[in-house]
């Protein structure tokens, strides 16, 4: 999994100081931004996954978002420093019931 490079608008959407509604054309990186934001909220704000809402328009989009979040968690379990691995392992357990 390669590290994402976000555009200035995408970086703006990653700010955790407010709630957002993310809309953009197909292929613009919405899912990547949502995955990054979802994990930032969970890790940086220490919020339980059951308290985070991510709404999509289709079940297919929801399944893709879930899959990408799961992949990102697994990637972070491998790459995170030893003292932070437990955060991502905990997220992996929470994701099954989110």
PDB file of N, CA and C in Angstrom:
ATOM      1  N   UNK A   1       0.849  -1.169   0.000  1.00  0.00           N
ATOM      2  CA  UNK A   1       0.000   0.000   0.000  1.00  0.00           C
ATOM      3  C   UNK A   1       0.899   1.238   0.000  1.00  0.00           C
ATOM      4  N   UNK A   2       0.769   2.084  -1.013  1.00  0.00           N
ATOM      5  CA  UNK A   2       1.598   3.272  -1.091  1.00  0.00           C
ATOM      6  C   UNK A   2       0.997   4.403  -0.266  1.00  0.00           C
ATOM      7  N   UNK A   3       1.885   5.295   0.180  1.00  0.00           N
ATOM      8  CA  UNK A   3       1.438   6.447   0.943  1.00  0.00           C
ATOM      9  C   UNK A   3       0.697   7.404   0.021  1.00  0.00           C
ATOM     10  N   UNK A   4      -0.390   7.950   0.495  1.00  0.00           N
ATOM     11  CA  UNK A   4      -1.202   8.873  -0.288  1.00  0.00           C
ATOM     12  C   UNK A   4      -0.615  10.276  -0.237  1.00  0.00           C
ATOM     13  N   UNK A   5      -0.675  10.966  -1.377  1.00  0.00           N
ATOM     14  CA  UNK A   5      -0.329  12.374  -1.446  1.00  0.00           C
ATOM     15  C   UNK A   5      -1.627  13.099  -1.777  1.00  0.00           C
ATOM     16  N   UNK A   6      -2.049  13.979  -0.884  1.00  0.00           N
ATOM     17  CA  UNK A   6      -3.328  14.643  -1.035  1.00  0.00           C
ATOM     18  C   UNK A   6      -3.163  16.052  -1.599  1.00  0.00           C
ATOM     19  N   UNK A   7      -4.129  16.462  -2.412  1.00  0.00           N
ATOM     20  CA  UNK A   7      -4.169  17.816  -2.955  1.00  0.00           C
ATOM     21  C   UNK A   7      -4.508  18.791  -1.831  1.00  0.00           C
ATOM     22  N   UNK A   8      -4.332  20.095  -2.060  1.00  0.00           N
ATOM     23  CA  UNK A   8      -4.709  21.063  -1.017  1.00  0.00           C
ATOM     24  C   UNK A   8      -6.189  20.955  -0.596  1.00  0.00           C
ATOM     25  N   UNK A   9      -7.093  20.740  -1.549  1.00  0.00           N
ATOM     26  CA  UNK A   9      -8.513  20.583  -1.191  1.00  0.00           C
ATOM     27  C   UNK A   9      -8.743  19.321  -0.367  1.00  0.00           C
ATOM     28  N   UNK A  10      -8.050  18.244  -0.726  1.00  0.00           N
ATOM     29  CA  UNK A  10      -8.175  17.006   0.039  1.00  0.00           C
ATOM     30  C   UNK A  10      -7.600  17.198   1.442  1.00  0.00           C
ATOM     31  N   UNK A  11      -6.465  17.894   1.545  1.00  0.00           N
ATOM     32  CA  UNK A  11      -5.875  18.183   2.865  1.00  0.00           C
ATOM     33  C   UNK A  11      -6.868  18.966   3.722  1.00  0.00           C
ATOM     34  N   UNK A  12      -7.561  19.907   3.106  1.00  0.00           N
ATOM     35  CA  UNK A  12      -8.560  20.696   3.819  1.00  0.00           C
ATOM     36  C   UNK A  12      -9.665  19.794   4.386  1.00  0.00           C
ATOM     37  N   UNK A  13     -10.073  18.799   3.620  1.00  0.00           N
ATOM     38  CA  UNK A  13     -11.117  17.869   4.067  1.00  0.00           C
ATOM     39  C   UNK A  13     -10.634  16.975   5.204  1.00  0.00           C
ATOM     40  N   UNK A  14      -9.329  16.847   5.373  1.00  0.00           N
ATOM     41  CA  UNK A  14      -8.778  16.003   6.436  1.00  0.00           C
ATOM     42  C   UNK A  14      -8.712  16.715   7.786  1.00  0.00           C
ATOM     43  N   UNK A  15      -8.984  18.012   7.794  1.00  0.00           N
ATOM     44  CA  UNK A  15      -8.991  18.744   9.061  1.00  0.00           C
ATOM     45  C   UNK A  15     -10.081  18.216   9.976  1.00  0.00           C
ATOM     46  N   UNK A  16      -9.757  18.039  11.222  1.00  0.00           N
ATOM     47  CA  UNK A  16     -10.703  17.452  12.180  1.00  0.00           C
ATOM     48  C   UNK A  16     -11.434  18.495  13.018  1.00  0.00           C
ATOM     49  N   UNK A  17     -11.348  19.747  12.613  1.00  0.00           N
ATOM     50  CA  UNK A  17     -11.968  20.810  13.392  1.00  0.00           C
ATOM     51  C   UNK A  17     -13.446  21.011  13.078  1.00  0.00           C
ATOM     52  N   UNK A  18     -13.995  20.214  12.151  1.00  0.00           N
ATOM     53  CA  UNK A  18     -15.399  20.361  11.768  1.00  0.00           C
ATOM     54  C   UNK A  18     -15.900  19.083  11.105  1.00  0.00           C
ATOM     55  N   UNK A  19     -17.221  18.964  11.006  1.00  0.00           N
ATOM     56  CA  UNK A  19     -17.843  17.884  10.251  1.00  0.00           C
ATOM     57  C   UNK A  19     -17.795  18.268   8.779  1.00  0.00           C
ATOM     58  N   UNK A  20     -17.787  17.277   7.897  1.00  0.00           N
ATOM     59  CA  UNK A  20     -17.741  17.596   6.473  1.00  0.00           C
ATOM     60  C   UNK A  20     -18.758  16.782   5.688  1.00  0.00           C
ATOM     61  N   UNK A  21     -19.082  17.299   4.512  1.00  0.00           N
ATOM     62  CA  UNK A  21     -19.818  16.572   3.489  1.00  0.00           C
ATOM     63  C   UNK A  21     -18.897  16.576   2.280  1.00  0.00           C
ATOM     64  N   UNK A  22     -18.495  15.414   1.844  1.00  0.00           N
ATOM     65  CA  UNK A  22     -17.506  15.304   0.774  1.00  0.00           C
ATOM     66  C   UNK A  22     -18.187  14.880  -0.512  1.00  0.00           C
ATOM     67  N   UNK A  23     -18.147  15.740  -1.503  1.00  0.00           N
ATOM     68  CA  UNK A  23     -18.705  15.419  -2.815  1.00  0.00           C
ATOM     69  C   UNK A  23     -17.667  15.758  -3.873  1.00  0.00           C
ATOM     70  N   UNK A  24     -17.560  14.891  -4.883  1.00  0.00           N
ATOM     71  CA  UNK A  24     -16.614  15.113  -5.973  1.00  0.00           C
ATOM     72  C   UNK A  24     -16.904  14.097  -7.075  1.00  0.00           C
ATOM     73  N   UNK A  25     -16.274  14.304  -8.216  1.00  0.00           N
ATOM     74  CA  UNK A  25     -16.444  13.399  -9.357  1.00  0.00           C
ATOM     75  C   UNK A  25     -15.827  12.037  -9.079  1.00  0.00           C
ATOM     76  N   UNK A  26     -16.248  11.062  -9.856  1.00  0.00           N
ATOM     77  CA  UNK A  26     -15.676   9.710  -9.771  1.00  0.00           C
ATOM     78  C   UNK A  26     -14.173   9.774 -10.037  1.00  0.00           C
ATOM     79  N   UNK A  27     -13.420   9.007  -9.266  1.00  0.00           N
ATOM     80  CA  UNK A  27     -11.981   8.930  -9.470  1.00  0.00           C
ATOM     81  C   UNK A  27     -11.191  10.095  -8.899  1.00  0.00           C
ATOM     82  N   UNK A  28     -11.841  10.924  -8.096  1.00  0.00           N
ATOM     83  CA  UNK A  28     -11.174  12.126  -7.574  1.00  0.00           C
ATOM     84  C   UNK A  28     -10.467  11.892  -6.240  1.00  0.00           C
ATOM     85  N   UNK A  29     -10.624  10.713  -5.662  1.00  0.00           N
ATOM     86  CA  UNK A  29      -9.963  10.408  -4.395  1.00  0.00           C
ATOM     87  C   UNK A  29     -10.837  10.534  -3.162  1.00  0.00           C
ATOM     88  N   UNK A  30     -12.159  10.558  -3.353  1.00  0.00           N
ATOM     89  CA  UNK A  30     -13.073  10.680  -2.205  1.00  0.00           C
ATOM     90  C   UNK A  30     -12.857   9.562  -1.192  1.00  0.00           C
ATOM     91  N   UNK A  31     -12.785   8.338  -1.685  1.00  0.00           N
ATOM     92  CA  UNK A  31     -12.650   7.203  -0.778  1.00  0.00           C
ATOM     93  C   UNK A  31     -11.341   7.281   0.000  1.00  0.00           C
ATOM     94  N   UNK A  32     -10.255   7.649  -0.659  1.00  0.00           N
ATOM     95  CA  UNK A  32      -8.961   7.764   0.026  1.00  0.00           C
ATOM     96  C   UNK A  32      -9.034   8.819   1.129  1.00  0.00           C
ATOM     97  N   UNK A  33      -9.679   9.935   0.842  1.00  0.00           N
ATOM     98  CA  UNK A  33      -9.820  10.996   1.851  1.00  0.00           C
ATOM     99  C   UNK A  33     -10.690  10.504   3.003  1.00  0.00           C
ATOM    100  N   UNK A  34     -11.796   9.835   2.694  1.00  0.00           N
ATOM    101  CA  UNK A  34     -12.677   9.341   3.750  1.00  0.00           C
ATOM    102  C   UNK A  34     -11.978   8.316   4.638  1.00  0.00           C
ATOM    103  N   UNK A  35     -11.203   7.432   4.037  1.00  0.00           N
ATOM    104  CA  UNK A  35     -10.469   6.428   4.813  1.00  0.00           C
ATOM    105  C   UNK A  35      -9.478   7.120   5.742  1.00  0.00           C
ATOM    106  N   UNK A  36      -8.719   8.062   5.199  1.00  0.00           N
ATOM    107  CA  UNK A  36      -7.723   8.788   5.997  1.00  0.00           C
ATOM    108  C   UNK A  36      -8.395   9.558   7.134  1.00  0.00           C
ATOM    109  N   UNK A  37      -9.477  10.229   6.823  1.00  0.00           N
ATOM    110  CA  UNK A  37     -10.190  11.019   7.835  1.00  0.00           C
ATOM    111  C   UNK A  37     -10.777  10.113   8.915  1.00  0.00           C
ATOM    112  N   UNK A  38     -11.381   9.022   8.507  1.00  0.00           N
ATOM    113  CA  UNK A  38     -11.978   8.060   9.430  1.00  0.00           C
ATOM    114  C   UNK A  38     -10.932   7.576  10.439  1.00  0.00           C
ATOM    115  N   UNK A  39      -9.768   7.190   9.936  1.00  0.00           N
ATOM    116  CA  UNK A  39      -8.727   6.686  10.824  1.00  0.00           C
ATOM    117  C   UNK A  39      -8.120   7.794  11.672  1.00  0.00           C
ATOM    118  N   UNK A  40      -7.995   9.004  11.114  1.00  0.00           N
ATOM    119  CA  UNK A  40      -7.494  10.128  11.911  1.00  0.00           C
ATOM    120  C   UNK A  40      -8.421  10.414  13.087  1.00  0.00           C
ATOM    121  N   UNK A  41      -9.715  10.399  12.828  1.00  0.00           N
ATOM    122  CA  UNK A  41     -10.683  10.641  13.909  1.00  0.00           C
ATOM    123  C   UNK A  41     -10.540   9.560  14.976  1.00  0.00           C
ATOM    124  N   UNK A  42     -10.472   8.325  14.550  1.00  0.00           N
ATOM    125  CA  UNK A  42     -10.387   7.213  15.499  1.00  0.00           C
ATOM    126  C   UNK A  42      -9.109   7.263  16.326  1.00  0.00           C
ATOM    127  N   UNK A  43      -7.984   7.531  15.669  1.00  0.00           N
ATOM    128  CA  UNK A  43      -6.693   7.468  16.362  1.00  0.00           C
ATOM    129  C   UNK A  43      -6.373   8.777  17.079  1.00  0.00           C
ATOM    130  N   UNK A  44      -6.456   9.897  16.365  1.00  0.00           N
ATOM    131  CA  UNK A  44      -6.040  11.169  16.962  1.00  0.00           C
ATOM    132  C   UNK A  44      -7.023  11.685  18.004  1.00  0.00           C
ATOM    133  N   UNK A  45      -8.294  11.438  17.793  1.00  0.00           N
ATOM    134  CA  UNK A  45      -9.306  11.891  18.754  1.00  0.00           C
ATOM    135  C   UNK A  45      -9.705  10.792  19.730  1.00  0.00           C
ATOM    136  N   UNK A  46      -9.169   9.582  19.514  1.00  0.00           N
ATOM    137  CA  UNK A  46      -9.468   8.428  20.363  1.00  0.00           C
ATOM    138  C   UNK A  46     -10.978   8.187  20.461  1.00  0.00           C
ATOM    139  N   UNK A  47     -11.615   8.155  19.300  1.00  0.00           N
ATOM    140  CA  UNK A  47     -13.060   7.954  19.217  1.00  0.00           C
ATOM    141  C   UNK A  47     -13.336   6.510  18.816  1.00  0.00           C
ATOM    142  N   UNK A  48     -14.248   5.868  19.529  1.00  0.00           N
ATOM    143  CA  UNK A  48     -14.658   4.509  19.202  1.00  0.00           C
ATOM    144  C   UNK A  48     -15.304   4.501  17.816  1.00  0.00           C
ATOM    145  N   UNK A  49     -15.009   3.483  17.019  1.00  0.00           N
ATOM    146  CA  UNK A  49     -15.549   3.417  15.655  1.00  0.00           C
ATOM    147  C   UNK A  49     -17.069   3.418  15.618  1.00  0.00           C
ATOM    148  N   UNK A  50     -17.705   2.928  16.654  1.00  0.00           N
ATOM    149  CA  UNK A  50     -19.173   2.911  16.680  1.00  0.00           C
ATOM    150  C   UNK A  50     -19.754   4.321  16.803  1.00  0.00           C
ATOM    151  N   UNK A  51     -18.916   5.305  17.085  1.00  0.00           N
ATOM    152  CA  UNK A  51     -19.362   6.693  17.236  1.00  0.00           C
ATOM    153  C   UNK A  51     -19.090   7.540  15.983  1.00  0.00           C
ATOM    154  N   UNK A  52     -18.486   6.948  14.958  1.00  0.00           N
ATOM    155  CA  UNK A  52     -18.147   7.678  13.736  1.00  0.00           C
ATOM    156  C   UNK A  52     -19.149   7.309  12.647  1.00  0.00           C
ATOM    157  N   UNK A  53     -19.714   8.310  11.995  1.00  0.00           N
ATOM    158  CA  UNK A  53     -20.687   8.074  10.929  1.00  0.00           C
ATOM    159  C   UNK A  53     -20.064   8.408   9.587  1.00  0.00           C
ATOM    160  N   UNK A  54     -20.149   7.481   8.670  1.00  0.00           N
ATOM    161  CA  UNK A  54     -19.733   7.699   7.285  1.00  0.00           C
ATOM    162  C   UNK A  54     -20.877   7.190   6.414  1.00  0.00           C
ATOM    163  N   UNK A  55     -21.482   8.085   5.661  1.00  0.00           N
ATOM    164  CA  UNK A  55     -22.655   7.738   4.859  1.00  0.00           C
ATOM    165  C   UNK A  55     -22.285   7.744   3.381  1.00  0.00           C
ATOM    166  N   UNK A  56     -22.689   6.698   2.679  1.00  0.00           N
ATOM    167  CA  UNK A  56     -22.473   6.617   1.235  1.00  0.00           C
ATOM    168  C   UNK A  56     -23.837   6.485   0.566  1.00  0.00           C
ATOM    169  N   UNK A  57     -23.852   6.640  -0.766  1.00  0.00           N
ATOM    170  CA  UNK A  57     -25.115   6.571  -1.485  1.00  0.00           C
ATOM    171  C   UNK A  57     -25.512   5.152  -1.878  1.00  0.00           C
ATOM    172  N   UNK A  58     -24.547   4.243  -1.939  1.00  0.00           N
ATOM    173  CA  UNK A  58     -24.873   2.880  -2.365  1.00  0.00           C
ATOM    174  C   UNK A  58     -24.235   1.867  -1.419  1.00  0.00           C
ATOM    175  N   UNK A  59     -24.799   0.667  -1.413  1.00  0.00           N
ATOM    176  CA  UNK A  59     -24.201  -0.411  -0.624  1.00  0.00           C
ATOM    177  C   UNK A  59     -22.833  -0.788  -1.176  1.00  0.00           C
ATOM    178  N   UNK A  60     -22.680  -0.696  -2.488  1.00  0.00           N
ATOM    179  CA  UNK A  60     -21.390  -0.998  -3.111  1.00  0.00           C
ATOM    180  C   UNK A  60     -20.314  -0.030  -2.605  1.00  0.00           C
ATOM    181  N   UNK A  61     -20.650   1.258  -2.553  1.00  0.00           N
ATOM    182  CA  UNK A  61     -19.707   2.261  -2.051  1.00  0.00           C
ATOM    183  C   UNK A  61     -19.393   2.019  -0.577  1.00  0.00           C
ATOM    184  N   UNK A  62     -20.393   1.637   0.195  1.00  0.00           N
ATOM    185  CA  UNK A  62     -20.183   1.345   1.619  1.00  0.00           C
ATOM    186  C   UNK A  62     -19.253   0.149   1.786  1.00  0.00           C
ATOM    187  N   UNK A  63     -19.449  -0.876   0.974  1.00  0.00           N
ATOM    188  CA  UNK A  63     -18.593  -2.059   1.040  1.00  0.00           C
ATOM    189  C   UNK A  63     -17.157  -1.712   0.658  1.00  0.00           C
ATOM    190  N   UNK A  64     -16.997  -0.862  -0.358  1.00  0.00           N
ATOM    191  CA  UNK A  64     -15.659  -0.448  -0.769  1.00  0.00           C
ATOM    192  C   UNK A  64     -14.986   0.359   0.336  1.00  0.00           C
ATOM    193  N   UNK A  65     -15.729   1.268   0.955  1.00  0.00           N
ATOM    194  CA  UNK A  65     -15.177   2.073   2.040  1.00  0.00           C
ATOM    195  C   UNK A  65     -14.752   1.179   3.206  1.00  0.00           C
ATOM    196  N   UNK A  66     -15.592   0.242   3.578  1.00  0.00           N
ATOM    197  CA  UNK A  66     -15.268  -0.698   4.659  1.00  0.00           C
ATOM    198  C   UNK A  66     -13.991  -1.478   4.327  1.00  0.00           C
ATOM    199  N   UNK A  67     -13.913  -1.968   3.090  1.00  0.00           N
ATOM    200  CA  UNK A  67     -12.749  -2.736   2.651  1.00  0.00           C
ATOM    201  C   UNK A  67     -11.476  -1.898   2.702  1.00  0.00           C
ATOM    202  N   UNK A  68     -11.555  -0.664   2.234  1.00  0.00           N
ATOM    203  CA  UNK A  68     -10.377   0.220   2.216  1.00  0.00           C
ATOM    204  C   UNK A  68      -9.951   0.593   3.639  1.00  0.00           C
ATOM    205  N   UNK A  69     -10.915   0.795   4.530  1.00  0.00           N
ATOM    206  CA  UNK A  69     -10.582   1.079   5.924  1.00  0.00           C
ATOM    207  C   UNK A  69      -9.888  -0.136   6.543  1.00  0.00           C
ATOM    208  N   UNK A  70     -10.412  -1.318   6.265  1.00  0.00           N
ATOM    209  CA  UNK A  70      -9.808  -2.549   6.770  1.00  0.00           C
ATOM    210  C   UNK A  70      -8.373  -2.705   6.263  1.00  0.00           C
ATOM    211  N   UNK A  71      -8.155  -2.453   4.977  1.00  0.00           N
ATOM    212  CA  UNK A  71      -6.809  -2.543   4.393  1.00  0.00           C
ATOM    213  C   UNK A  71      -5.871  -1.526   5.047  1.00  0.00           C
ATOM    214  N   UNK A  72      -6.351  -0.315   5.262  1.00  0.00           N
ATOM    215  CA  UNK A  72      -5.522   0.721   5.872  1.00  0.00           C
ATOM    216  C   UNK A  72      -5.152   0.354   7.309  1.00  0.00           C
ATOM    217  N   UNK A  73      -6.092  -0.215   8.035  1.00  0.00           N
ATOM    218  CA  UNK A  73      -5.797  -0.650   9.402  1.00  0.00           C
ATOM    219  C   UNK A  73      -4.721  -1.724   9.378  1.00  0.00           C
ATOM    220  N   UNK A  74      -4.859  -2.710   8.508  1.00  0.00           N
ATOM    221  CA  UNK A  74      -3.851  -3.779   8.414  1.00  0.00           C
ATOM    222  C   UNK A  74      -2.487  -3.205   8.042  1.00  0.00           C
ATOM    223  N   UNK A  75      -2.471  -2.273   7.094  1.00  0.00           N
ATOM    224  CA  UNK A  75      -1.222  -1.624   6.683  1.00  0.00           C
ATOM    225  C   UNK A  75      -0.586  -0.902   7.878  1.00  0.00           C
ATOM    226  N   UNK A  76      -1.394  -0.203   8.653  1.00  0.00           N
ATOM    227  CA  UNK A  76      -0.876   0.535   9.797  1.00  0.00           C
ATOM    228  C   UNK A  76      -0.426  -0.369  10.929  1.00  0.00           C
ATOM    229  N   UNK A  77      -1.023  -1.534  11.062  1.00  0.00           N
ATOM    230  CA  UNK A  77      -0.549  -2.495  12.069  1.00  0.00           C
ATOM    231  C   UNK A  77       0.889  -2.890  11.752  1.00  0.00           C
ATOM    232  N   UNK A  78       1.182  -3.074  10.471  1.00  0.00           N
ATOM    233  CA  UNK A  78       2.531  -3.472  10.053  1.00  0.00           C
ATOM    234  C   UNK A  78       3.514  -2.315  10.181  1.00  0.00           C
ATOM    235  N   UNK A  79       3.127  -1.098   9.757  1.00  0.00           N
ATOM    236  CA  UNK A  79       4.083   0.007   9.683  1.00  0.00           C
ATOM    237  C   UNK A  79       4.176   0.865  10.938  1.00  0.00           C
ATOM    238  N   UNK A  80       3.196   0.799  11.817  1.00  0.00           N
ATOM    239  CA  UNK A  80       3.193   1.662  12.999  1.00  0.00           C
ATOM    240  C   UNK A  80       4.322   1.293  13.953  1.00  0.00           C
ATOM    241  N   UNK A  81       4.829   2.301  14.678  1.00  0.00           N
ATOM    242  CA  UNK A  81       5.812   1.994  15.718  1.00  0.00           C
ATOM    243  C   UNK A  81       5.200   1.044  16.740  1.00  0.00           C
ATOM    244  N   UNK A  82       6.036   0.264  17.370  1.00  0.00           N
ATOM    245  CA  UNK A  82       5.563  -0.773  18.291  1.00  0.00           C
ATOM    246  C   UNK A  82       4.604  -0.223  19.348  1.00  0.00           C
ATOM    247  N   UNK A  83       4.856   0.981  19.833  1.00  0.00           N
ATOM    248  CA  UNK A  83       4.024   1.535  20.899  1.00  0.00           C
ATOM    249  C   UNK A  83       2.658   2.009  20.406  1.00  0.00           C
ATOM    250  N   UNK A  84       2.434   2.027  19.080  1.00  0.00           N
ATOM    251  CA  UNK A  84       1.134   2.439  18.536  1.00  0.00           C
ATOM    252  C   UNK A  84       0.384   1.307  17.857  1.00  0.00           C
ATOM    253  N   UNK A  85       1.022   0.166  17.698  1.00  0.00           N
ATOM    254  CA  UNK A  85       0.377  -0.973  17.033  1.00  0.00           C
ATOM    255  C   UNK A  85      -0.923  -1.361  17.729  1.00  0.00           C
ATOM    256  N   UNK A  86      -0.926  -1.282  19.063  1.00  0.00           N
ATOM    257  CA  UNK A  86      -2.123  -1.681  19.809  1.00  0.00           C
ATOM    258  C   UNK A  86      -3.332  -0.827  19.421  1.00  0.00           C
ATOM    259  N   UNK A  87      -3.109   0.455  19.049  1.00  0.00           N
ATOM    260  CA  UNK A  87      -4.217   1.305  18.608  1.00  0.00           C
ATOM    261  C   UNK A  87      -4.903   0.710  17.382  1.00  0.00           C
ATOM    262  N   UNK A  88      -4.102   0.281  16.421  1.00  0.00           N
ATOM    263  CA  UNK A  88      -4.661  -0.260  15.183  1.00  0.00           C
ATOM    264  C   UNK A  88      -5.221  -1.665  15.366  1.00  0.00           C
ATOM    265  N   UNK A  89      -4.630  -2.434  16.244  1.00  0.00           N
ATOM    266  CA  UNK A  89      -5.177  -3.755  16.549  1.00  0.00           C
ATOM    267  C   UNK A  89      -6.557  -3.602  17.192  1.00  0.00           C
ATOM    268  N   UNK A  90      -6.693  -2.613  18.070  1.00  0.00           N
ATOM    269  CA  UNK A  90      -7.988  -2.325  18.683  1.00  0.00           C
ATOM    270  C   UNK A  90      -8.999  -1.881  17.620  1.00  0.00           C
ATOM    271  N   UNK A  91      -8.567  -1.031  16.684  1.00  0.00           N
ATOM    272  CA  UNK A  91      -9.457  -0.604  15.599  1.00  0.00           C
ATOM    273  C   UNK A  91      -9.911  -1.791  14.752  1.00  0.00           C
ATOM    274  N   UNK A  92      -9.018  -2.719  14.503  1.00  0.00           N
ATOM    275  CA  UNK A  92      -9.380  -3.900  13.712  1.00  0.00           C
ATOM    276  C   UNK A  92     -10.509  -4.661  14.404  1.00  0.00           C
ATOM    277  N   UNK A  93     -10.419  -4.809  15.710  1.00  0.00           N
ATOM    278  CA  UNK A  93     -11.482  -5.505  16.457  1.00  0.00           C
ATOM    279  C   UNK A  93     -12.780  -4.715  16.399  1.00  0.00           C
ATOM    280  N   UNK A  94     -12.696  -3.399  16.549  1.00  0.00           N
ATOM    281  CA  UNK A  94     -13.889  -2.558  16.528  1.00  0.00           C
ATOM    282  C   UNK A  94     -14.558  -2.545  15.155  1.00  0.00           C
ATOM    283  N   UNK A  95     -13.772  -2.641  14.102  1.00  0.00           N
ATOM    284  CA  UNK A  95     -14.311  -2.517  12.746  1.00  0.00           C
ATOM    285  C   UNK A  95     -15.335  -3.618  12.452  1.00  0.00           C
ATOM    286  N   UNK A  96     -15.137  -4.791  13.012  1.00  0.00           N
ATOM    287  CA  UNK A  96     -16.070  -5.882  12.743  1.00  0.00           C
ATOM    288  C   UNK A  96     -17.484  -5.576  13.215  1.00  0.00           C
ATOM    289  N   UNK A  97     -17.628  -4.725  14.225  1.00  0.00           N
ATOM    290  CA  UNK A  97     -18.959  -4.395  14.718  1.00  0.00           C
ATOM    291  C   UNK A  97     -19.401  -2.975  14.365  1.00  0.00           C
ATOM    292  N   UNK A  98     -18.542  -2.253  13.622  1.00  0.00           N
ATOM    293  CA  UNK A  98     -18.883  -0.859  13.265  1.00  0.00           C
ATOM    294  C   UNK A  98     -19.965  -0.824  12.210  1.00  0.00           C
TER     295      UNK A  98
END
